[in-house]
Amino acid sequence: MAKGKEVRVRVILECTCCVRKGVNKKSTGISRYITQKNRHNTSNRLELRKFCRHCYKHTIHREIKE
């Protein structure tokens, strides 16, 4: 049997603050979270406020392409 498109998909959320201004000089890297979303309920890109370990504050994390 052929497997159809799954309803729940894995998405990667990336910090918008780290990407925009580059990474802080003290630390290296970009804060990323992995989560799932329902493709039927949330068709557009996901945005959540999460804690960024590199900025040391809560920032907006947006969904990126895999």
PDB file of N, CA and C in Angstrom:
ATOM      1  N   MET A   1       0.822  -1.181   0.000  1.00  0.00           N
ATOM      2  CA  MET A   1       0.000   0.000   0.000  1.00  0.00           C
ATOM      3  C   MET A   1       0.868   1.247   0.000  1.00  0.00           C
ATOM      4  N   ALA A   2       0.434   2.238  -0.726  1.00  0.00           N
ATOM      5  CA  ALA A   2       1.153   3.508  -0.764  1.00  0.00           C
ATOM      6  C   ALA A   2       0.784   4.333   0.459  1.00  0.00           C
ATOM      7  N   LYS A   3       1.775   4.978   1.020  1.00  0.00           N
ATOM      8  CA  LYS A   3       1.551   5.788   2.202  1.00  0.00           C
ATOM      9  C   LYS A   3       1.266   7.222   1.774  1.00  0.00           C
ATOM     10  N   GLY A   4       0.130   7.786   2.202  1.00  0.00           N
ATOM     11  CA  GLY A   4      -0.243   9.150   1.830  1.00  0.00           C
ATOM     12  C   GLY A   4       0.497  10.174   2.672  1.00  0.00           C
ATOM     13  N   LYS A   5       0.177  11.437   2.449  1.00  0.00           N
ATOM     14  CA  LYS A   5       0.793  12.497   3.235  1.00  0.00           C
ATOM     15  C   LYS A   5       0.286  12.418   4.670  1.00  0.00           C
ATOM     16  N   GLU A   6       1.201  12.500   5.598  1.00  0.00           N
ATOM     17  CA  GLU A   6       0.830  12.436   7.001  1.00  0.00           C
ATOM     18  C   GLU A   6       0.227  13.766   7.442  1.00  0.00           C
ATOM     19  N   VAL A   7      -0.693  13.685   8.398  1.00  0.00           N
ATOM     20  CA  VAL A   7      -1.345  14.898   8.889  1.00  0.00           C
ATOM     21  C   VAL A   7      -0.403  15.657   9.814  1.00  0.00           C
ATOM     22  N   ARG A   8       0.248  14.951  10.730  1.00  0.00           N
ATOM     23  CA  ARG A   8       1.181  15.598  11.655  1.00  0.00           C
ATOM     24  C   ARG A   8       2.591  15.525  11.071  1.00  0.00           C
ATOM     25  N   VAL A   9       3.221  16.687  10.956  1.00  0.00           N
ATOM     26  CA  VAL A   9       4.562  16.750  10.375  1.00  0.00           C
ATOM     27  C   VAL A   9       5.528  17.347  11.393  1.00  0.00           C
ATOM     28  N   ARG A  10       6.792  16.972  11.285  1.00  0.00           N
ATOM     29  CA  ARG A  10       7.840  17.495  12.146  1.00  0.00           C
ATOM     30  C   ARG A  10       8.338  18.819  11.578  1.00  0.00           C
ATOM     31  N   VAL A  11       8.463  19.839  12.423  1.00  0.00           N
ATOM     32  CA  VAL A  11       8.945  21.149  11.990  1.00  0.00           C
ATOM     33  C   VAL A  11      10.090  21.585  12.892  1.00  0.00           C
ATOM     34  N   ILE A  12      10.959  22.441  12.368  1.00  0.00           N
ATOM     35  CA  ILE A  12      12.077  22.997  13.122  1.00  0.00           C
ATOM     36  C   ILE A  12      11.818  24.488  13.303  1.00  0.00           C
ATOM     37  N   LEU A  13      11.887  24.946  14.562  1.00  0.00           N
ATOM     38  CA  LEU A  13      11.702  26.349  14.875  1.00  0.00           C
ATOM     39  C   LEU A  13      13.074  26.968  15.139  1.00  0.00           C
ATOM     40  N   GLU A  14      13.336  28.128  14.526  1.00  0.00           N
ATOM     41  CA  GLU A  14      14.632  28.791  14.647  1.00  0.00           C
ATOM     42  C   GLU A  14      14.447  30.206  15.176  1.00  0.00           C
ATOM     43  N   CYS A  15      15.348  30.635  16.034  1.00  0.00           N
ATOM     44  CA  CYS A  15      15.281  31.966  16.647  1.00  0.00           C
ATOM     45  C   CYS A  15      15.458  33.052  15.579  1.00  0.00           C
ATOM     46  N   THR A  16      14.537  34.006  15.556  1.00  0.00           N
ATOM     47  CA  THR A  16      14.631  35.083  14.566  1.00  0.00           C
ATOM     48  C   THR A  16      15.645  36.129  15.001  1.00  0.00           C
ATOM     49  N   CYS A  17      15.854  36.289  16.277  1.00  0.00           N
ATOM     50  CA  CYS A  17      16.793  37.287  16.793  1.00  0.00           C
ATOM     51  C   CYS A  17      18.234  36.910  16.444  1.00  0.00           C
ATOM     52  N   CYS A  18      18.600  35.652  16.617  1.00  0.00           N
ATOM     53  CA  CYS A  18      19.963  35.192  16.322  1.00  0.00           C
ATOM     54  C   CYS A  18      20.257  35.251  14.825  1.00  0.00           C
ATOM     55  N   VAL A  19      19.265  34.940  14.004  1.00  0.00           N
ATOM     56  CA  VAL A  19      19.457  34.904  12.557  1.00  0.00           C
ATOM     57  C   VAL A  19      19.624  36.314  12.008  1.00  0.00           C
ATOM     58  N   ARG A  20      18.820  37.255  12.508  1.00  0.00           N
ATOM     59  CA  ARG A  20      18.836  38.612  11.986  1.00  0.00           C
ATOM     60  C   ARG A  20      20.149  39.340  12.236  1.00  0.00           C
ATOM     61  N   LYS A  21      20.556  39.414  13.489  1.00  0.00           N
ATOM     62  CA  LYS A  21      21.731  40.211  13.818  1.00  0.00           C
ATOM     63  C   LYS A  21      22.991  39.385  13.946  1.00  0.00           C
ATOM     64  N   GLY A  22      22.934  38.125  13.518  1.00  0.00           N
ATOM     65  CA  GLY A  22      24.083  37.253  13.706  1.00  0.00           C
ATOM     66  C   GLY A  22      24.063  36.717  15.125  1.00  0.00           C
ATOM     67  N   VAL A  23      24.976  35.904  15.432  1.00  0.00           N
ATOM     68  CA  VAL A  23      25.017  35.289  16.749  1.00  0.00           C
ATOM     69  C   VAL A  23      25.775  36.190  17.708  1.00  0.00           C
ATOM     70  N   ASN A  24      25.399  36.139  18.986  1.00  0.00           N
ATOM     71  CA  ASN A  24      26.118  36.923  19.993  1.00  0.00           C
ATOM     72  C   ASN A  24      27.593  36.574  19.960  1.00  0.00           C
ATOM     73  N   LYS A  25      28.425  37.535  20.274  1.00  0.00           N
ATOM     74  CA  LYS A  25      29.863  37.293  20.218  1.00  0.00           C
ATOM     75  C   LYS A  25      30.321  36.339  21.313  1.00  0.00           C
ATOM     76  N   LYS A  26      29.572  36.264  22.417  1.00  0.00           N
ATOM     77  CA  LYS A  26      29.943  35.382  23.523  1.00  0.00           C
ATOM     78  C   LYS A  26      29.714  33.921  23.175  1.00  0.00           C
ATOM     79  N   SER A  27      28.626  33.628  22.471  1.00  0.00           N
ATOM     80  CA  SER A  27      28.279  32.234  22.199  1.00  0.00           C
ATOM     81  C   SER A  27      28.194  31.990  20.699  1.00  0.00           C
ATOM     82  N   THR A  28      28.295  30.736  20.319  1.00  0.00           N
ATOM     83  CA  THR A  28      28.180  30.375  18.916  1.00  0.00           C
ATOM     84  C   THR A  28      26.964  29.495  18.733  1.00  0.00           C
ATOM     85  N   GLY A  29      26.314  29.621  17.601  1.00  0.00           N
ATOM     86  CA  GLY A  29      25.170  28.776  17.303  1.00  0.00           C
ATOM     87  C   GLY A  29      23.877  29.555  17.242  1.00  0.00           C
ATOM     88  N   ILE A  30      22.837  28.854  16.828  1.00  0.00           N
ATOM     89  CA  ILE A  30      21.501  29.412  16.709  1.00  0.00           C
ATOM     90  C   ILE A  30      20.555  28.492  17.457  1.00  0.00           C
ATOM     91  N   SER A  31      19.646  29.091  18.218  1.00  0.00           N
ATOM     92  CA  SER A  31      18.689  28.313  19.001  1.00  0.00           C
ATOM     93  C   SER A  31      17.654  27.678  18.068  1.00  0.00           C
ATOM     94  N   ARG A  32      17.481  26.360  18.186  1.00  0.00           N
ATOM     95  CA  ARG A  32      16.503  25.641  17.373  1.00  0.00           C
ATOM     96  C   ARG A  32      15.723  24.672  18.243  1.00  0.00           C
ATOM     97  N   TYR A  33      14.438  24.540  17.961  1.00  0.00           N
ATOM     98  CA  TYR A  33      13.564  23.594  18.629  1.00  0.00           C
ATOM     99  C   TYR A  33      12.916  22.707  17.581  1.00  0.00           C
ATOM    100  N   ILE A  34      12.633  21.459  17.930  1.00  0.00           N
ATOM    101  CA  ILE A  34      11.925  20.538  17.044  1.00  0.00           C
ATOM    102  C   ILE A  34      10.575  20.247  17.675  1.00  0.00           C
ATOM    103  N   THR A  35       9.508  20.369  16.890  1.00  0.00           N
ATOM    104  CA  THR A  35       8.165  20.111  17.371  1.00  0.00           C
ATOM    105  C   THR A  35       7.329  19.538  16.231  1.00  0.00           C
ATOM    106  N   GLN A  36       6.048  19.301  16.500  1.00  0.00           N
ATOM    107  CA  GLN A  36       5.138  18.795  15.478  1.00  0.00           C
ATOM    108  C   GLN A  36       3.969  19.752  15.320  1.00  0.00           C
ATOM    109  N   LYS A  37       3.391  19.759  14.122  1.00  0.00           N
ATOM    110  CA  LYS A  37       2.187  20.548  13.897  1.00  0.00           C
ATOM    111  C   LYS A  37       1.228  19.759  13.018  1.00  0.00           C
ATOM    112  N   ASN A  38      -0.036  20.084  13.118  1.00  0.00           N
ATOM    113  CA  ASN A  38      -1.066  19.459  12.301  1.00  0.00           C
ATOM    114  C   ASN A  38      -1.176  20.245  11.001  1.00  0.00           C
ATOM    115  N   ARG A  39      -0.918  19.592   9.901  1.00  0.00           N
ATOM    116  CA  ARG A  39      -0.887  20.257   8.596  1.00  0.00           C
ATOM    117  C   ARG A  39      -2.253  20.827   8.208  1.00  0.00           C
ATOM    118  N   HIS A  40      -3.346  20.155   8.599  1.00  0.00           N
ATOM    119  CA  HIS A  40      -4.690  20.618   8.226  1.00  0.00           C
ATOM    120  C   HIS A  40      -5.114  21.841   9.034  1.00  0.00           C
ATOM    121  N   ASN A  41      -4.779  21.891  10.314  1.00  0.00           N
ATOM    122  CA  ASN A  41      -5.189  23.015  11.160  1.00  0.00           C
ATOM    123  C   ASN A  41      -4.277  24.224  10.998  1.00  0.00           C
ATOM    124  N   THR A  42      -2.990  24.006  10.779  1.00  0.00           N
ATOM    125  CA  THR A  42      -2.013  25.093  10.667  1.00  0.00           C
ATOM    126  C   THR A  42      -1.291  24.948   9.334  1.00  0.00           C
ATOM    127  N   SER A  43      -1.852  25.555   8.316  1.00  0.00           N
ATOM    128  CA  SER A  43      -1.263  25.410   6.980  1.00  0.00           C
ATOM    129  C   SER A  43      -0.098  26.378   6.758  1.00  0.00           C
ATOM    130  N   ASN A  44      -0.137  27.547   7.428  1.00  0.00           N
ATOM    131  CA  ASN A  44       0.955  28.507   7.240  1.00  0.00           C
ATOM    132  C   ASN A  44       2.083  28.229   8.230  1.00  0.00           C
ATOM    133  N   ARG A  45       3.137  29.023   8.165  1.00  0.00           N
ATOM    134  CA  ARG A  45       4.315  28.799   9.012  1.00  0.00           C
ATOM    135  C   ARG A  45       3.998  29.075  10.480  1.00  0.00           C
ATOM    136  N   LEU A  46       4.583  28.262  11.344  1.00  0.00           N
ATOM    137  CA  LEU A  46       4.344  28.334  12.778  1.00  0.00           C
ATOM    138  C   LEU A  46       5.298  29.330  13.426  1.00  0.00           C
ATOM    139  N   GLU A  47       4.794  30.149  14.376  1.00  0.00           N
ATOM    140  CA  GLU A  47       5.605  31.088  15.147  1.00  0.00           C
ATOM    141  C   GLU A  47       5.260  30.930  16.611  1.00  0.00           C
ATOM    142  N   LEU A  48       6.269  30.710  17.440  1.00  0.00           N
ATOM    143  CA  LEU A  48       6.062  30.567  18.879  1.00  0.00           C
ATOM    144  C   LEU A  48       7.125  31.356  19.631  1.00  0.00           C
ATOM    145  N   ARG A  49       6.753  31.848  20.829  1.00  0.00           N
ATOM    146  CA  ARG A  49       7.739  32.486  21.706  1.00  0.00           C
ATOM    147  C   ARG A  49       8.385  31.402  22.545  1.00  0.00           C
ATOM    148  N   LYS A  50       9.694  31.226  22.357  1.00  0.00           N
ATOM    149  CA  LYS A  50      10.451  30.206  23.086  1.00  0.00           C
ATOM    150  C   LYS A  50      11.688  30.868  23.686  1.00  0.00           C
ATOM    151  N   PHE A  51      12.313  30.177  24.640  1.00  0.00           N
ATOM    152  CA  PHE A  51      13.525  30.706  25.259  1.00  0.00           C
ATOM    153  C   PHE A  51      14.724  30.399  24.379  1.00  0.00           C
ATOM    154  N   CYS A  52      15.505  31.419  24.072  1.00  0.00           N
ATOM    155  CA  CYS A  52      16.722  31.266  23.281  1.00  0.00           C
ATOM    156  C   CYS A  52      17.905  31.177  24.230  1.00  0.00           C
ATOM    157  N   ARG A  53      18.632  30.090  24.165  1.00  0.00           N
ATOM    158  CA  ARG A  53      19.777  29.894  25.059  1.00  0.00           C
ATOM    159  C   ARG A  53      20.957  30.781  24.689  1.00  0.00           C
ATOM    160  N   HIS A  54      20.978  31.298  23.475  1.00  0.00           N
ATOM    161  CA  HIS A  54      22.088  32.139  23.035  1.00  0.00           C
ATOM    162  C   HIS A  54      21.824  33.624  23.304  1.00  0.00           C
ATOM    163  N   CYS A  55      20.562  34.041  23.238  1.00  0.00           N
ATOM    164  CA  CYS A  55      20.192  35.431  23.544  1.00  0.00           C
ATOM    165  C   CYS A  55      19.874  35.615  25.027  1.00  0.00           C
ATOM    166  N   TYR A  56      19.640  34.516  25.748  1.00  0.00           N
ATOM    167  CA  TYR A  56      19.273  34.519  27.163  1.00  0.00           C
ATOM    168  C   TYR A  56      17.964  35.262  27.429  1.00  0.00           C
ATOM    169  N   LYS A  57      16.977  35.119  26.508  1.00  0.00           N
ATOM    170  CA  LYS A  57      15.656  35.722  26.703  1.00  0.00           C
ATOM    171  C   LYS A  57      14.648  35.014  25.808  1.00  0.00           C
ATOM    172  N   HIS A  58      13.365  35.298  26.022  1.00  0.00           N
ATOM    173  CA  HIS A  58      12.309  34.721  25.193  1.00  0.00           C
ATOM    174  C   HIS A  58      12.203  35.514  23.893  1.00  0.00           C
ATOM    175  N   THR A  59      12.268  34.832  22.766  1.00  0.00           N
ATOM    176  CA  THR A  59      12.187  35.476  21.460  1.00  0.00           C
ATOM    177  C   THR A  59      11.234  34.677  20.574  1.00  0.00           C
ATOM    178  N   ILE A  60      10.897  35.233  19.429  1.00  0.00           N
ATOM    179  CA  ILE A  60      10.025  34.556  18.480  1.00  0.00           C
ATOM    180  C   ILE A  60      10.846  33.550  17.683  1.00  0.00           C
ATOM    181  N   HIS A  61      10.366  32.335  17.635  1.00  0.00           N
ATOM    182  CA  HIS A  61      10.991  31.266  16.849  1.00  0.00           C
ATOM    183  C   HIS A  61      10.053  30.928  15.692  1.00  0.00           C
ATOM    184  N   ARG A  62      10.568  30.950  14.469  1.00  0.00           N
ATOM    185  CA  ARG A  62       9.766  30.681  13.271  1.00  0.00           C
ATOM    186  C   ARG A  62      10.143  29.351  12.657  1.00  0.00           C
ATOM    187  N   GLU A  63       9.183  28.778  11.981  1.00  0.00           N
ATOM    188  CA  GLU A  63       9.396  27.496  11.284  1.00  0.00           C
ATOM    189  C   GLU A  63      10.297  27.717  10.073  1.00  0.00           C
ATOM    190  N   ILE A  64      11.252  26.811   9.880  1.00  0.00           N
ATOM    191  CA  ILE A  64      12.144  26.871   8.716  1.00  0.00           C
ATOM    192  C   ILE A  64      11.951  25.633   7.884  1.00  0.00           C
ATOM    193  N   LYS A  65      12.445  25.667   6.647  1.00  0.00           N
ATOM    194  CA  LYS A  65      12.400  24.498   5.781  1.00  0.00           C
ATOM    195  C   LYS A  65      13.395  23.471   6.258  1.00  0.00           C
ATOM    196  N   GLU A  66      13.074  22.212   6.053  1.00  0.00           N
ATOM    197  CA  GLU A  66      13.997  21.123   6.414  1.00  0.00           C
ATOM    198  C   GLU A  66      14.948  20.845   5.304  1.00  0.00           C
TER     199      GLU A  66
END
